[in-house]
Amino acid sequence: MRPWKPSLASLLVLFSFNVAVAQEKPASMTVATASPGGVYAVYGEGLANLLSETLHIPVSTRQTQGPSQNLALVQSEKVDLGLTTTGPALDAMQGHLDLNPGVKHQDIRALFAMYPTPFQMAALKSANIKRVEDLAGKRIGVGPKGGTGGVYWPRWFKALGMSASFQYGGAGDQGNQLADGRLDALLLAGGSPHPTYKELEATKQIEVFGFDESRLNTIRKAFPDVVPFEIPGGTYKGQSGKVLTGAMWNIVVVNKSMSPDLAYNIVKAVFANRSRLMKTHSAAKDTLPENILKNTAVPLHPGALRFYKEQGIQIPSAIQPPA
């Protein structure tokens, strides 16, 4: 009997099948997070561990400057998943991203909403800074330049008609600078309680403060994607009452080139194991399927859309995947 020799057609079919399988389940994946000391770093590590164990794909994290850089990395397919906020995402899609000006990031797609990012303000109690007005002309840390806080705090101050000396850097490093007097205040954007503030209050007395309704409304008129947010009393030491501030929603984005099945399996794994993320950081309590509707800017990945349809969630046309 003659040994079987595969035809060219059969080899092409086999090759196509193997390529499809490779695309379906990559050898590894990377999640772009942010600098140490913030919630993105904590949440991202928990997400990577969850996906590694449930999808049986090695998933690692990559420290970045935050949301803006993550969008550029996802657009250029240098990472598989990126954590971002709706404000920078909208800027990126319109070609207004500070880190990549003029480039319309049209290939990013949303998978799921994580949690709202409250904009938080703190100073040492000894500085006697208790209101936004007290920050005029001060040395203020706002986190990494490409992070949500680094991008939006200066814009918010401009909307309020205020100026200050803004300093950029990792949240953890700037927490140390506040502690030793090199900064007058530290304004961040991240889940609450923020790890940097919690670390600070272990050795220092800090004052966490917010906006009055009038100033918050001024900001919301200039930035419609900002939503009101209350930091509950007792979140930080010495905080007796709630603190009013603004927030933007965080979402996980991928490139449109990700296979629909992989995107679907990622979303399904996250919600099936949400309790694990909550143990990583309490902000994950808001990682709920219905909160995908908080994203009004980034179109969904078709794989993610399939999951939400199965859950009976009506997705508005504004975030339907492009035809």
C-alpha atoms as a PDB file:
ATOM      1  CA  MET A   1       0.000   0.000   0.000  1.00  0.00           C
ATOM      2  CA  ARG A   2       1.326   3.408  -0.942  1.00  0.00           C
ATOM      3  CA  PRO A   3       1.926   5.801   1.938  1.00  0.00           C
ATOM      4  CA  TRP A   4      -0.651   8.596   2.030  1.00  0.00           C
ATOM      5  CA  LYS A   5       0.574  11.940   0.795  1.00  0.00           C
ATOM      6  CA  PRO A   6      -1.519  14.946   1.731  1.00  0.00           C
ATOM      7  CA  SER A   7      -2.688  17.104  -1.133  1.00  0.00           C
ATOM      8  CA  LEU A   8      -2.003  20.806  -1.298  1.00  0.00           C
ATOM      9  CA  ALA A   9      -5.672  21.480  -0.571  1.00  0.00           C
ATOM     10  CA  SER A  10      -5.631  19.362   2.583  1.00  0.00           C
ATOM     11  CA  LEU A  11      -2.448  21.049   3.767  1.00  0.00           C
ATOM     12  CA  LEU A  12      -4.043  24.449   3.297  1.00  0.00           C
ATOM     13  CA  VAL A  13      -7.095  23.361   5.280  1.00  0.00           C
ATOM     14  CA  LEU A  14      -4.867  22.027   8.069  1.00  0.00           C
ATOM     15  CA  PHE A  15      -2.803  25.221   8.056  1.00  0.00           C
ATOM     16  CA  SER A  16      -5.923  27.379   8.234  1.00  0.00           C
ATOM     17  CA  PHE A  17      -7.238  25.298  11.119  1.00  0.00           C
ATOM     18  CA  ASN A  18      -4.004  25.615  13.058  1.00  0.00           C
ATOM     19  CA  VAL A  19      -3.891  29.374  12.468  1.00  0.00           C
ATOM     20  CA  ALA A  20      -7.466  29.683  13.708  1.00  0.00           C
ATOM     21  CA  VAL A  21      -6.658  27.667  16.824  1.00  0.00           C
ATOM     22  CA  ALA A  22      -3.572  29.805  17.463  1.00  0.00           C
ATOM     23  CA  GLN A  23      -5.641  32.982  17.155  1.00  0.00           C
ATOM     24  CA  GLU A  24      -8.334  31.470  19.366  1.00  0.00           C
ATOM     25  CA  LYS A  25      -5.979  30.722  22.234  1.00  0.00           C
ATOM     26  CA  PRO A  26      -2.772  32.778  22.194  1.00  0.00           C
ATOM     27  CA  ALA A  27       0.395  31.491  23.809  1.00  0.00           C
ATOM     28  CA  SER A  28       0.247  34.356  26.309  1.00  0.00           C
ATOM     29  CA  MET A  29      -1.418  37.713  26.952  1.00  0.00           C
ATOM     30  CA  THR A  30      -0.450  41.020  28.546  1.00  0.00           C
ATOM     31  CA  VAL A  31      -2.617  43.448  30.522  1.00  0.00           C
ATOM     32  CA  ALA A  32      -1.504  47.090  30.518  1.00  0.00           C
ATOM     33  CA  THR A  33      -2.161  48.622  33.965  1.00  0.00           C
ATOM     34  CA  ALA A  34      -0.422  51.713  35.449  1.00  0.00           C
ATOM     35  CA  SER A  35       2.264  52.717  37.924  1.00  0.00           C
ATOM     36  CA  PRO A  36       2.599  51.016  41.326  1.00  0.00           C
ATOM     37  CA  GLY A  37       0.578  52.550  44.142  1.00  0.00           C
ATOM     38  CA  GLY A  38      -2.717  52.819  42.269  1.00  0.00           C
ATOM     39  CA  VAL A  39      -5.810  50.654  41.929  1.00  0.00           C
ATOM     40  CA  TYR A  40      -5.048  49.767  38.293  1.00  0.00           C
ATOM     41  CA  ALA A  41      -1.902  47.946  39.395  1.00  0.00           C
ATOM     42  CA  VAL A  42      -3.829  45.955  42.005  1.00  0.00           C
ATOM     43  CA  TYR A  43      -6.934  45.267  39.914  1.00  0.00           C
ATOM     44  CA  GLY A  44      -4.852  44.448  36.835  1.00  0.00           C
ATOM     45  CA  GLU A  45      -2.789  41.904  38.728  1.00  0.00           C
ATOM     46  CA  GLY A  46      -5.962  40.255  39.997  1.00  0.00           C
ATOM     47  CA  LEU A  47      -7.417  40.201  36.492  1.00  0.00           C
ATOM     48  CA  ALA A  48      -4.246  38.654  35.066  1.00  0.00           C
ATOM     49  CA  ASN A  49      -4.229  35.919  37.709  1.00  0.00           C
ATOM     50  CA  LEU A  50      -7.914  35.174  37.170  1.00  0.00           C
ATOM     51  CA  LEU A  51      -7.546  34.840  33.402  1.00  0.00           C
ATOM     52  CA  SER A  52      -4.376  32.756  33.702  1.00  0.00           C
ATOM     53  CA  GLU A  53      -6.125  30.191  35.866  1.00  0.00           C
ATOM     54  CA  THR A  54      -9.518  30.100  34.167  1.00  0.00           C
ATOM     55  CA  LEU A  55      -8.455  30.322  30.517  1.00  0.00           C
ATOM     56  CA  HIS A  56      -5.195  28.387  30.975  1.00  0.00           C
ATOM     57  CA  ILE A  57      -3.273  31.121  29.180  1.00  0.00           C
ATOM     58  CA  PRO A  58      -0.277  32.773  30.870  1.00  0.00           C
ATOM     59  CA  VAL A  59      -1.288  36.389  31.467  1.00  0.00           C
ATOM     60  CA  SER A  60       1.149  39.020  32.741  1.00  0.00           C
ATOM     61  CA  THR A  61       0.831  42.710  33.561  1.00  0.00           C
ATOM     62  CA  ARG A  62       2.778  45.655  32.168  1.00  0.00           C
ATOM     63  CA  GLN A  63       3.292  48.802  34.210  1.00  0.00           C
ATOM     64  CA  THR A  64       2.518  51.939  32.192  1.00  0.00           C
ATOM     65  CA  GLN A  65       1.711  55.615  32.638  1.00  0.00           C
ATOM     66  CA  GLY A  66      -1.953  54.672  32.764  1.00  0.00           C
ATOM     67  CA  PRO A  67      -5.093  54.991  30.601  1.00  0.00           C
ATOM     68  CA  SER A  68      -3.715  57.148  27.788  1.00  0.00           C
ATOM     69  CA  GLN A  69      -0.648  54.997  27.191  1.00  0.00           C
ATOM     70  CA  ASN A  70      -2.765  51.846  27.501  1.00  0.00           C
ATOM     71  CA  LEU A  71      -5.015  53.039  24.682  1.00  0.00           C
ATOM     72  CA  ALA A  72      -2.017  53.669  22.422  1.00  0.00           C
ATOM     73  CA  LEU A  73      -0.607  50.215  23.274  1.00  0.00           C
ATOM     74  CA  VAL A  74      -3.895  48.455  22.504  1.00  0.00           C
ATOM     75  CA  GLN A  75      -4.341  50.395  19.263  1.00  0.00           C
ATOM     76  CA  SER A  76      -0.862  49.329  18.104  1.00  0.00           C
ATOM     77  CA  GLU A  77      -1.425  45.737  19.344  1.00  0.00           C
ATOM     78  CA  LYS A  78       1.560  45.894  21.691  1.00  0.00           C
ATOM     79  CA  VAL A  79      -0.596  44.579  24.557  1.00  0.00           C
ATOM     80  CA  ASP A  80      -3.710  42.405  24.541  1.00  0.00           C
ATOM     81  CA  LEU A  81      -5.840  44.147  27.166  1.00  0.00           C
ATOM     82  CA  GLY A  82      -5.674  47.694  28.482  1.00  0.00           C
ATOM     83  CA  LEU A  83      -7.304  49.378  31.470  1.00  0.00           C
ATOM     84  CA  THR A  84      -8.605  52.856  30.712  1.00  0.00           C
ATOM     85  CA  THR A  85     -11.255  55.428  31.527  1.00  0.00           C
ATOM     86  CA  THR A  86     -14.007  56.741  29.297  1.00  0.00           C
ATOM     87  CA  GLY A  87     -12.609  60.279  29.042  1.00  0.00           C
ATOM     88  CA  PRO A  88      -9.205  59.344  27.593  1.00  0.00           C
ATOM     89  CA  ALA A  89     -10.897  56.695  25.431  1.00  0.00           C
ATOM     90  CA  LEU A  90     -13.131  59.315  23.825  1.00  0.00           C
ATOM     91  CA  ASP A  91     -10.113  61.587  23.323  1.00  0.00           C
ATOM     92  CA  ALA A  92      -8.225  58.702  21.682  1.00  0.00           C
ATOM     93  CA  MET A  93     -11.032  57.841  19.285  1.00  0.00           C
ATOM     94  CA  GLN A  94     -11.305  61.482  18.203  1.00  0.00           C
ATOM     95  CA  GLY A  95      -7.543  61.831  17.701  1.00  0.00           C
ATOM     96  CA  HIS A  96      -7.029  64.120  20.712  1.00  0.00           C
ATOM     97  CA  LEU A  97      -4.933  61.822  22.896  1.00  0.00           C
ATOM     98  CA  ASP A  98      -2.078  63.818  24.452  1.00  0.00           C
ATOM     99  CA  LEU A  99       0.383  60.931  24.088  1.00  0.00           C
ATOM    100  CA  ASN A 100      -0.529  60.236  20.455  1.00  0.00           C
ATOM    101  CA  PRO A 101      -1.956  63.471  19.014  1.00  0.00           C
ATOM    102  CA  GLY A 102      -3.691  63.405  15.656  1.00  0.00           C
ATOM    103  CA  VAL A 103      -4.074  59.613  15.599  1.00  0.00           C
ATOM    104  CA  LYS A 104      -7.660  58.357  15.721  1.00  0.00           C
ATOM    105  CA  HIS A 105      -7.651  55.163  17.738  1.00  0.00           C
ATOM    106  CA  GLN A 106     -10.414  53.481  15.777  1.00  0.00           C
ATOM    107  CA  ASP A 107      -9.381  49.885  16.529  1.00  0.00           C
ATOM    108  CA  ILE A 108     -10.096  49.821  20.266  1.00  0.00           C
ATOM    109  CA  ARG A 109     -13.096  47.818  21.479  1.00  0.00           C
ATOM    110  CA  ALA A 110     -14.628  47.515  24.944  1.00  0.00           C
ATOM    111  CA  LEU A 111     -14.987  44.253  26.871  1.00  0.00           C
ATOM    112  CA  PHE A 112     -16.438  45.215  30.255  1.00  0.00           C
ATOM    113  CA  ALA A 113     -16.753  48.042  32.774  1.00  0.00           C
ATOM    114  CA  MET A 114     -14.647  47.789  35.918  1.00  0.00           C
ATOM    115  CA  TYR A 115     -15.633  50.516  38.373  1.00  0.00           C
ATOM    116  CA  PRO A 116     -15.988  54.302  38.558  1.00  0.00           C
ATOM    117  CA  THR A 117     -12.774  56.245  39.160  1.00  0.00           C
ATOM    118  CA  PRO A 118     -13.364  59.011  41.679  1.00  0.00           C
ATOM    119  CA  PHE A 119     -11.102  62.040  41.524  1.00  0.00           C
ATOM    120  CA  GLN A 120      -9.713  62.342  45.044  1.00  0.00           C
ATOM    121  CA  MET A 121      -7.926  65.158  46.854  1.00  0.00           C
ATOM    122  CA  ALA A 122      -5.761  64.941  49.958  1.00  0.00           C
ATOM    123  CA  ALA A 123      -3.234  66.999  51.881  1.00  0.00           C
ATOM    124  CA  LEU A 124      -1.511  66.683  55.240  1.00  0.00           C
ATOM    125  CA  LYS A 125      -3.731  68.017  58.020  1.00  0.00           C
ATOM    126  CA  SER A 126      -0.859  70.257  59.077  1.00  0.00           C
ATOM    127  CA  ALA A 127      -1.096  72.094  55.718  1.00  0.00           C
ATOM    128  CA  ASN A 128      -4.598  73.380  56.560  1.00  0.00           C
ATOM    129  CA  ILE A 129      -5.807  72.676  53.010  1.00  0.00           C
ATOM    130  CA  LYS A 130      -9.481  71.705  53.198  1.00  0.00           C
ATOM    131  CA  ARG A 131     -11.117  73.056  50.039  1.00  0.00           C
ATOM    132  CA  VAL A 132     -10.376  73.204  46.329  1.00  0.00           C
ATOM    133  CA  GLU A 133      -9.938  76.967  46.625  1.00  0.00           C
ATOM    134  CA  ASP A 134      -7.023  76.383  49.001  1.00  0.00           C
ATOM    135  CA  LEU A 135      -5.070  74.694  46.190  1.00  0.00           C
ATOM    136  CA  ALA A 136      -4.565  77.822  44.084  1.00  0.00           C
ATOM    137  CA  GLY A 137      -0.871  78.310  43.357  1.00  0.00           C
ATOM    138  CA  LYS A 138       0.161  75.188  45.313  1.00  0.00           C
ATOM    139  CA  ARG A 139       2.546  72.377  44.334  1.00  0.00           C
ATOM    140  CA  ILE A 140       0.203  69.538  43.449  1.00  0.00           C
ATOM    141  CA  GLY A 141       0.983  65.943  42.536  1.00  0.00           C
ATOM    142  CA  VAL A 142      -1.483  64.520  40.017  1.00  0.00           C
ATOM    143  CA  GLY A 143       0.028  61.087  39.277  1.00  0.00           C
ATOM    144  CA  PRO A 144       1.574  59.935  35.977  1.00  0.00           C
ATOM    145  CA  LYS A 145       1.318  62.328  33.032  1.00  0.00           C
ATOM    146  CA  GLY A 146      -0.532  59.717  30.960  1.00  0.00           C
ATOM    147  CA  GLY A 147      -2.889  58.736  33.779  1.00  0.00           C
ATOM    148  CA  THR A 148      -6.461  59.903  34.171  1.00  0.00           C
ATOM    149  CA  GLY A 149      -5.541  62.277  36.986  1.00  0.00           C
ATOM    150  CA  GLY A 150      -2.504  63.606  35.151  1.00  0.00           C
ATOM    151  CA  VAL A 151      -4.605  64.397  32.092  1.00  0.00           C
ATOM    152  CA  TYR A 152      -7.787  65.701  33.690  1.00  0.00           C
ATOM    153  CA  TRP A 153      -6.850  67.508  36.911  1.00  0.00           C
ATOM    154  CA  PRO A 154      -5.148  70.356  34.987  1.00  0.00           C
ATOM    155  CA  ARG A 155      -8.165  70.542  32.662  1.00  0.00           C
ATOM    156  CA  TRP A 156     -10.555  70.644  35.614  1.00  0.00           C
ATOM    157  CA  PHE A 157      -8.580  73.450  37.240  1.00  0.00           C
ATOM    158  CA  LYS A 158      -8.740  75.401  33.992  1.00  0.00           C
ATOM    159  CA  ALA A 159     -12.516  74.912  33.888  1.00  0.00           C
ATOM    160  CA  LEU A 160     -12.677  76.273  37.459  1.00  0.00           C
ATOM    161  CA  GLY A 161     -10.509  79.263  36.531  1.00  0.00           C
ATOM    162  CA  MET A 162      -7.699  78.148  38.852  1.00  0.00           C
ATOM    163  CA  SER A 163      -3.987  77.607  38.375  1.00  0.00           C
ATOM    164  CA  ALA A 164      -1.409  75.580  40.277  1.00  0.00           C
ATOM    165  CA  SER A 165       2.008  73.970  39.828  1.00  0.00           C
ATOM    166  CA  PHE A 166       1.242  70.436  38.644  1.00  0.00           C
ATOM    167  CA  GLN A 167       3.832  67.722  39.230  1.00  0.00           C
ATOM    168  CA  TYR A 168       3.757  64.314  37.523  1.00  0.00           C
ATOM    169  CA  GLY A 169       4.986  60.922  38.687  1.00  0.00           C
ATOM    170  CA  GLY A 170       4.009  57.558  40.096  1.00  0.00           C
ATOM    171  CA  ALA A 171       1.302  57.692  42.760  1.00  0.00           C
ATOM    172  CA  GLY A 172       3.446  55.884  45.314  1.00  0.00           C
ATOM    173  CA  ASP A 173       6.426  58.198  44.773  1.00  0.00           C
ATOM    174  CA  GLN A 174       4.237  61.273  45.000  1.00  0.00           C
ATOM    175  CA  GLY A 175       2.744  59.976  48.228  1.00  0.00           C
ATOM    176  CA  ASN A 176       6.262  60.007  49.658  1.00  0.00           C
ATOM    177  CA  GLN A 177       6.780  63.549  48.337  1.00  0.00           C
ATOM    178  CA  LEU A 178       3.615  64.702  50.093  1.00  0.00           C
ATOM    179  CA  ALA A 179       4.730  63.050  53.322  1.00  0.00           C
ATOM    180  CA  ASP A 180       8.077  64.833  53.354  1.00  0.00           C
ATOM    181  CA  GLY A 181       6.750  68.238  52.286  1.00  0.00           C
ATOM    182  CA  ARG A 182       7.884  68.379  48.666  1.00  0.00           C
ATOM    183  CA  LEU A 183       4.224  68.556  47.580  1.00  0.00           C
ATOM    184  CA  ASP A 184       1.407  70.575  49.139  1.00  0.00           C
ATOM    185  CA  ALA A 185      -1.358  68.211  48.024  1.00  0.00           C
ATOM    186  CA  LEU A 186      -1.860  64.966  46.144  1.00  0.00           C
ATOM    187  CA  LEU A 187      -4.759  64.774  43.690  1.00  0.00           C
ATOM    188  CA  LEU A 188      -5.335  61.365  42.182  1.00  0.00           C
ATOM    189  CA  ALA A 189      -7.872  59.473  40.125  1.00  0.00           C
ATOM    190  CA  GLY A 190      -8.428  55.866  41.138  1.00  0.00           C
ATOM    191  CA  GLY A 191     -10.618  53.432  43.007  1.00  0.00           C
ATOM    192  CA  SER A 192     -11.606  54.243  46.550  1.00  0.00           C
ATOM    193  CA  PRO A 193     -10.000  53.668  48.984  1.00  0.00           C
ATOM    194  CA  HIS A 194      -6.871  54.610  47.070  1.00  0.00           C
ATOM    195  CA  PRO A 195      -3.843  52.502  48.077  1.00  0.00           C
ATOM    196  CA  THR A 196      -1.533  55.526  48.168  1.00  0.00           C
ATOM    197  CA  TYR A 197      -3.765  57.411  50.607  1.00  0.00           C
ATOM    198  CA  LYS A 198      -4.170  54.305  52.763  1.00  0.00           C
ATOM    199  CA  GLU A 199      -0.399  53.927  52.925  1.00  0.00           C
ATOM    200  CA  LEU A 200      -0.006  57.612  53.777  1.00  0.00           C
ATOM    201  CA  GLU A 201      -2.499  57.574  56.618  1.00  0.00           C
ATOM    202  CA  ALA A 202      -0.594  54.759  58.305  1.00  0.00           C
ATOM    203  CA  THR A 203       2.106  57.268  59.260  1.00  0.00           C
ATOM    204  CA  LYS A 204       0.572  60.716  58.653  1.00  0.00           C
ATOM    205  CA  GLN A 205      -2.658  62.556  59.387  1.00  0.00           C
ATOM    206  CA  ILE A 206      -4.247  63.430  56.060  1.00  0.00           C
ATOM    207  CA  GLU A 207      -7.225  65.544  55.063  1.00  0.00           C
ATOM    208  CA  VAL A 208      -9.363  64.111  52.264  1.00  0.00           C
ATOM    209  CA  PHE A 209     -11.687  66.734  50.784  1.00  0.00           C
ATOM    210  CA  GLY A 210     -13.993  67.236  47.794  1.00  0.00           C
ATOM    211  CA  PHE A 211     -16.048  69.719  45.796  1.00  0.00           C
ATOM    212  CA  ASP A 212     -19.090  71.758  46.594  1.00  0.00           C
ATOM    213  CA  GLU A 213     -22.020  71.177  44.227  1.00  0.00           C
ATOM    214  CA  SER A 214     -21.472  74.429  42.339  1.00  0.00           C
ATOM    215  CA  ARG A 215     -17.876  73.653  41.395  1.00  0.00           C
ATOM    216  CA  LEU A 216     -18.699  70.059  40.531  1.00  0.00           C
ATOM    217  CA  ASN A 217     -21.486  71.251  38.232  1.00  0.00           C
ATOM    218  CA  THR A 218     -19.014  73.594  36.510  1.00  0.00           C
ATOM    219  CA  ILE A 219     -16.743  70.624  35.828  1.00  0.00           C
ATOM    220  CA  ARG A 220     -19.615  68.435  34.596  1.00  0.00           C
ATOM    221  CA  LYS A 221     -20.739  71.094  32.120  1.00  0.00           C
ATOM    222  CA  ALA A 222     -17.253  71.128  30.630  1.00  0.00           C
ATOM    223  CA  PHE A 223     -16.850  67.326  30.781  1.00  0.00           C
ATOM    224  CA  PRO A 224     -20.212  65.561  30.247  1.00  0.00           C
ATOM    225  CA  ASP A 225     -18.768  62.063  30.889  1.00  0.00           C
ATOM    226  CA  VAL A 226     -18.084  63.013  34.524  1.00  0.00           C
ATOM    227  CA  VAL A 227     -20.599  61.621  37.024  1.00  0.00           C
ATOM    228  CA  PRO A 228     -21.128  62.636  40.689  1.00  0.00           C
ATOM    229  CA  PHE A 229     -19.482  60.346  43.232  1.00  0.00           C
ATOM    230  CA  GLU A 230     -19.613  60.249  47.023  1.00  0.00           C
ATOM    231  CA  ILE A 231     -16.719  58.841  49.033  1.00  0.00           C
ATOM    232  CA  PRO A 232     -18.478  57.333  52.072  1.00  0.00           C
ATOM    233  CA  GLY A 233     -17.594  58.603  55.511  1.00  0.00           C
ATOM    234  CA  GLY A 234     -14.984  56.461  57.208  1.00  0.00           C
ATOM    235  CA  THR A 235     -13.251  55.476  53.968  1.00  0.00           C
ATOM    236  CA  TYR A 236     -10.127  57.174  55.325  1.00  0.00           C
ATOM    237  CA  LYS A 237      -9.038  57.839  58.915  1.00  0.00           C
ATOM    238  CA  GLY A 238     -10.516  61.010  60.337  1.00  0.00           C
ATOM    239  CA  GLN A 239     -13.087  61.291  57.523  1.00  0.00           C
ATOM    240  CA  SER A 240     -16.326  61.667  59.461  1.00  0.00           C
ATOM    241  CA  GLY A 241     -18.688  62.549  56.624  1.00  0.00           C
ATOM    242  CA  LYS A 242     -19.131  61.782  52.938  1.00  0.00           C
ATOM    243  CA  VAL A 243     -16.986  63.624  50.408  1.00  0.00           C
ATOM    244  CA  LEU A 244     -18.492  64.806  47.108  1.00  0.00           C
ATOM    245  CA  THR A 245     -16.376  64.533  43.980  1.00  0.00           C
ATOM    246  CA  GLY A 246     -16.571  63.574  40.302  1.00  0.00           C
ATOM    247  CA  ALA A 247     -15.796  60.247  38.659  1.00  0.00           C
ATOM    248  CA  MET A 248     -15.251  58.596  35.287  1.00  0.00           C
ATOM    249  CA  TRP A 249     -15.936  54.944  34.537  1.00  0.00           C
ATOM    250  CA  ASN A 250     -13.113  52.505  33.878  1.00  0.00           C
ATOM    251  CA  ILE A 251     -13.335  49.934  31.111  1.00  0.00           C
ATOM    252  CA  VAL A 252     -11.161  47.144  29.736  1.00  0.00           C
ATOM    253  CA  VAL A 253     -10.360  47.508  26.046  1.00  0.00           C
ATOM    254  CA  VAL A 254      -8.810  45.261  23.421  1.00  0.00           C
ATOM    255  CA  ASN A 255      -7.951  45.574  19.754  1.00  0.00           C
ATOM    256  CA  LYS A 256     -10.687  44.711  17.267  1.00  0.00           C
ATOM    257  CA  SER A 257      -8.392  41.984  15.869  1.00  0.00           C
ATOM    258  CA  MET A 258      -8.938  39.775  18.945  1.00  0.00           C
ATOM    259  CA  SER A 259     -10.944  36.689  18.023  1.00  0.00           C
ATOM    260  CA  PRO A 260     -14.640  36.864  19.007  1.00  0.00           C
ATOM    261  CA  ASP A 261     -14.433  33.608  20.973  1.00  0.00           C
ATOM    262  CA  LEU A 262     -11.451  34.778  23.007  1.00  0.00           C
ATOM    263  CA  ALA A 263     -13.134  38.097  23.807  1.00  0.00           C
ATOM    264  CA  TYR A 264     -16.314  36.244  24.798  1.00  0.00           C
ATOM    265  CA  ASN A 265     -14.400  33.826  27.035  1.00  0.00           C
ATOM    266  CA  ILE A 266     -12.546  36.651  28.774  1.00  0.00           C
ATOM    267  CA  VAL A 267     -15.768  38.478  29.618  1.00  0.00           C
ATOM    268  CA  LYS A 268     -17.494  35.272  30.708  1.00  0.00           C
ATOM    269  CA  ALA A 269     -14.555  34.286  32.927  1.00  0.00           C
ATOM    270  CA  VAL A 270     -14.494  37.700  34.616  1.00  0.00           C
ATOM    271  CA  PHE A 271     -18.149  37.672  35.601  1.00  0.00           C
ATOM    272  CA  ALA A 272     -18.149  33.991  36.555  1.00  0.00           C
ATOM    273  CA  ASN A 273     -15.274  34.712  38.962  1.00  0.00           C
ATOM    274  CA  ARG A 274     -16.122  38.245  40.064  1.00  0.00           C
ATOM    275  CA  SER A 275     -15.806  37.320  43.749  1.00  0.00           C
ATOM    276  CA  ARG A 276     -12.093  36.708  43.173  1.00  0.00           C
ATOM    277  CA  LEU A 277     -11.646  40.225  41.817  1.00  0.00           C
ATOM    278  CA  MET A 278     -13.469  41.635  44.833  1.00  0.00           C
ATOM    279  CA  LYS A 279     -10.912  39.954  47.084  1.00  0.00           C
ATOM    280  CA  THR A 280      -8.203  41.676  45.060  1.00  0.00           C
ATOM    281  CA  HIS A 281      -9.756  45.135  45.520  1.00  0.00           C
ATOM    282  CA  SER A 282     -13.142  46.243  46.824  1.00  0.00           C
ATOM    283  CA  ALA A 283     -13.637  48.475  43.743  1.00  0.00           C
ATOM    284  CA  ALA A 284     -14.498  45.284  41.829  1.00  0.00           C
ATOM    285  CA  LYS A 285     -17.907  45.290  43.535  1.00  0.00           C
ATOM    286  CA  ASP A 286     -18.963  47.475  40.593  1.00  0.00           C
ATOM    287  CA  THR A 287     -17.649  45.019  37.978  1.00  0.00           C
ATOM    288  CA  LEU A 288     -21.159  43.977  36.961  1.00  0.00           C
ATOM    289  CA  PRO A 289     -22.506  43.046  33.500  1.00  0.00           C
ATOM    290  CA  GLU A 290     -25.128  45.819  33.510  1.00  0.00           C
ATOM    291  CA  ASN A 291     -22.484  48.484  34.124  1.00  0.00           C
ATOM    292  CA  ILE A 292     -21.249  48.082  30.559  1.00  0.00           C
ATOM    293  CA  LEU A 293     -23.987  50.632  29.863  1.00  0.00           C
ATOM    294  CA  LYS A 294     -21.911  53.208  31.774  1.00  0.00           C
ATOM    295  CA  ASN A 295     -19.592  53.110  28.774  1.00  0.00           C
ATOM    296  CA  THR A 296     -21.040  55.528  26.248  1.00  0.00           C
ATOM    297  CA  ALA A 297     -17.879  56.060  24.194  1.00  0.00           C
ATOM    298  CA  VAL A 298     -16.168  52.857  23.036  1.00  0.00           C
ATOM    299  CA  PRO A 299     -17.867  50.289  20.752  1.00  0.00           C
ATOM    300  CA  LEU A 300     -18.060  46.777  22.120  1.00  0.00           C
ATOM    301  CA  HIS A 301     -16.029  43.898  20.745  1.00  0.00           C
ATOM    302  CA  PRO A 302     -18.387  41.457  18.953  1.00  0.00           C
ATOM    303  CA  GLY A 303     -17.368  38.709  21.390  1.00  0.00           C
ATOM    304  CA  ALA A 304     -18.343  40.879  24.332  1.00  0.00           C
ATOM    305  CA  LEU A 305     -21.627  41.839  22.648  1.00  0.00           C
ATOM    306  CA  ARG A 306     -22.479  38.148  22.358  1.00  0.00           C
ATOM    307  CA  PHE A 307     -22.087  37.732  26.133  1.00  0.00           C
ATOM    308  CA  TYR A 308     -24.299  40.730  27.003  1.00  0.00           C
ATOM    309  CA  LYS A 309     -26.992  39.586  24.600  1.00  0.00           C
ATOM    310  CA  GLU A 310     -27.029  36.222  26.382  1.00  0.00           C
ATOM    311  CA  GLN A 311     -27.587  38.121  29.639  1.00  0.00           C
ATOM    312  CA  GLY A 312     -30.537  39.988  28.142  1.00  0.00           C
ATOM    313  CA  ILE A 313     -28.798  43.365  28.319  1.00  0.00           C
ATOM    314  CA  GLN A 314     -29.964  45.769  25.608  1.00  0.00           C
ATOM    315  CA  ILE A 315     -26.911  47.453  24.122  1.00  0.00           C
ATOM    316  CA  PRO A 316     -27.545  50.945  22.727  1.00  0.00           C
ATOM    317  CA  SER A 317     -26.598  51.701  19.139  1.00  0.00           C
ATOM    318  CA  ALA A 318     -23.886  54.143  20.275  1.00  0.00           C
ATOM    319  CA  ILE A 319     -21.652  51.290  21.457  1.00  0.00           C
ATOM    320  CA  GLN A 320     -22.633  48.567  19.006  1.00  0.00           C
ATOM    321  CA  PRO A 321     -19.642  47.169  17.096  1.00  0.00           C
ATOM    322  CA  PRO A 322     -19.168  48.922  13.746  1.00  0.00           C
ATOM    323  CA  ALA A 323     -20.505  46.975  10.778  1.00  0.00           C
END
